[in-house]
């Protein structure tokens, strides 16, 4: 799981394997495979780095870059 910050400042934990897409306009909207969407304050680049780190930590990939 990785953490994101909702617009009201609350931390929220999501499963990065369930992310279908992310759209910045101007806040970041994350769409999950289920169709559910959440809007977060997080920077897309930082979120992508969190996803890469998480996947490396659990051994899914050995070297991913932005």
Protein backbone atom coordinates (compact mmCIF):
# COMPACT_ATOMS: atom_id res chain seq x y z
CA UNK A 1 0.00 0.00 0.00
CA UNK A 2 1.08 3.57 -0.61
CA UNK A 3 -0.18 6.73 1.06
CA UNK A 4 -1.88 9.65 -0.64
CA UNK A 5 -3.32 12.84 0.86
CA UNK A 6 -6.92 13.74 0.15
CA UNK A 7 -7.86 17.39 -0.41
CA UNK A 8 -9.07 17.70 3.19
CA UNK A 9 -5.60 16.70 4.45
CA UNK A 10 -6.47 13.14 5.53
CA UNK A 11 -4.01 10.35 4.72
CA UNK A 12 -5.45 7.55 2.63
CA UNK A 13 -3.78 4.23 1.77
CA UNK A 14 -4.27 2.71 -1.68
CA UNK A 15 -3.21 -0.42 -3.49
CA UNK A 16 -1.03 0.77 -6.39
CA UNK A 17 -1.77 -2.42 -8.36
CA UNK A 18 -5.37 -1.28 -8.70
CA UNK A 19 -4.58 2.10 -10.33
CA UNK A 20 -5.77 2.35 -13.92
CA UNK A 21 -4.85 5.98 -14.59
CA UNK A 22 -3.96 9.34 -13.05
CA UNK A 23 -5.01 12.72 -14.39
CA UNK A 24 -3.81 16.13 -13.22
CA UNK A 25 -6.32 18.94 -13.74
CA UNK A 26 -5.17 20.79 -11.51
CA UNK A 27 -5.55 18.30 -8.62
CA UNK A 28 -4.57 14.69 -9.20
CA UNK A 29 -7.48 12.34 -9.91
CA UNK A 30 -6.68 8.64 -9.50
CA UNK A 31 -8.95 6.18 -11.30
CA UNK A 32 -8.96 2.57 -10.12
CA UNK A 33 -9.70 -0.56 -12.13
CA UNK A 34 -13.08 -0.70 -10.36
CA UNK A 35 -14.00 2.71 -11.81
CA UNK A 36 -13.80 4.43 -8.41
CA UNK A 37 -12.02 7.80 -8.45
CA UNK A 38 -10.34 9.81 -5.71
CA UNK A 39 -8.85 13.30 -5.85
CA UNK A 40 -5.60 13.87 -3.99
CA UNK A 41 -3.11 16.68 -3.33
CA UNK A 42 -0.06 14.58 -4.16
CA UNK A 43 2.38 15.44 -6.90
CA UNK A 44 2.15 12.89 -9.77
CA UNK A 45 5.94 12.43 -9.99
CA UNK A 46 6.22 11.76 -6.26
CA UNK A 47 3.34 9.31 -6.43
CA UNK A 48 4.96 7.46 -9.33
CA UNK A 49 8.19 7.26 -7.33
CA UNK A 50 6.24 5.79 -4.39
CA UNK A 51 4.74 3.16 -6.71
CA UNK A 52 8.16 2.25 -8.13
CA UNK A 53 9.64 2.03 -4.62
CA UNK A 54 6.78 -0.14 -3.42
CA UNK A 55 7.11 -2.53 -6.36
CA UNK A 56 10.87 -2.79 -5.87
CA UNK A 57 10.37 -3.44 -2.15
CA UNK A 58 8.03 -6.35 -2.77
CA UNK A 59 10.19 -7.71 -5.59
CA UNK A 60 7.86 -7.18 -8.56
CA UNK A 61 10.44 -5.26 -10.60
CA UNK A 62 14.15 -4.86 -10.22
CA UNK A 63 14.68 -1.56 -12.04
CA UNK A 64 12.02 0.91 -13.10
CA UNK A 65 12.54 4.59 -13.77
CA UNK A 66 10.27 7.51 -14.50
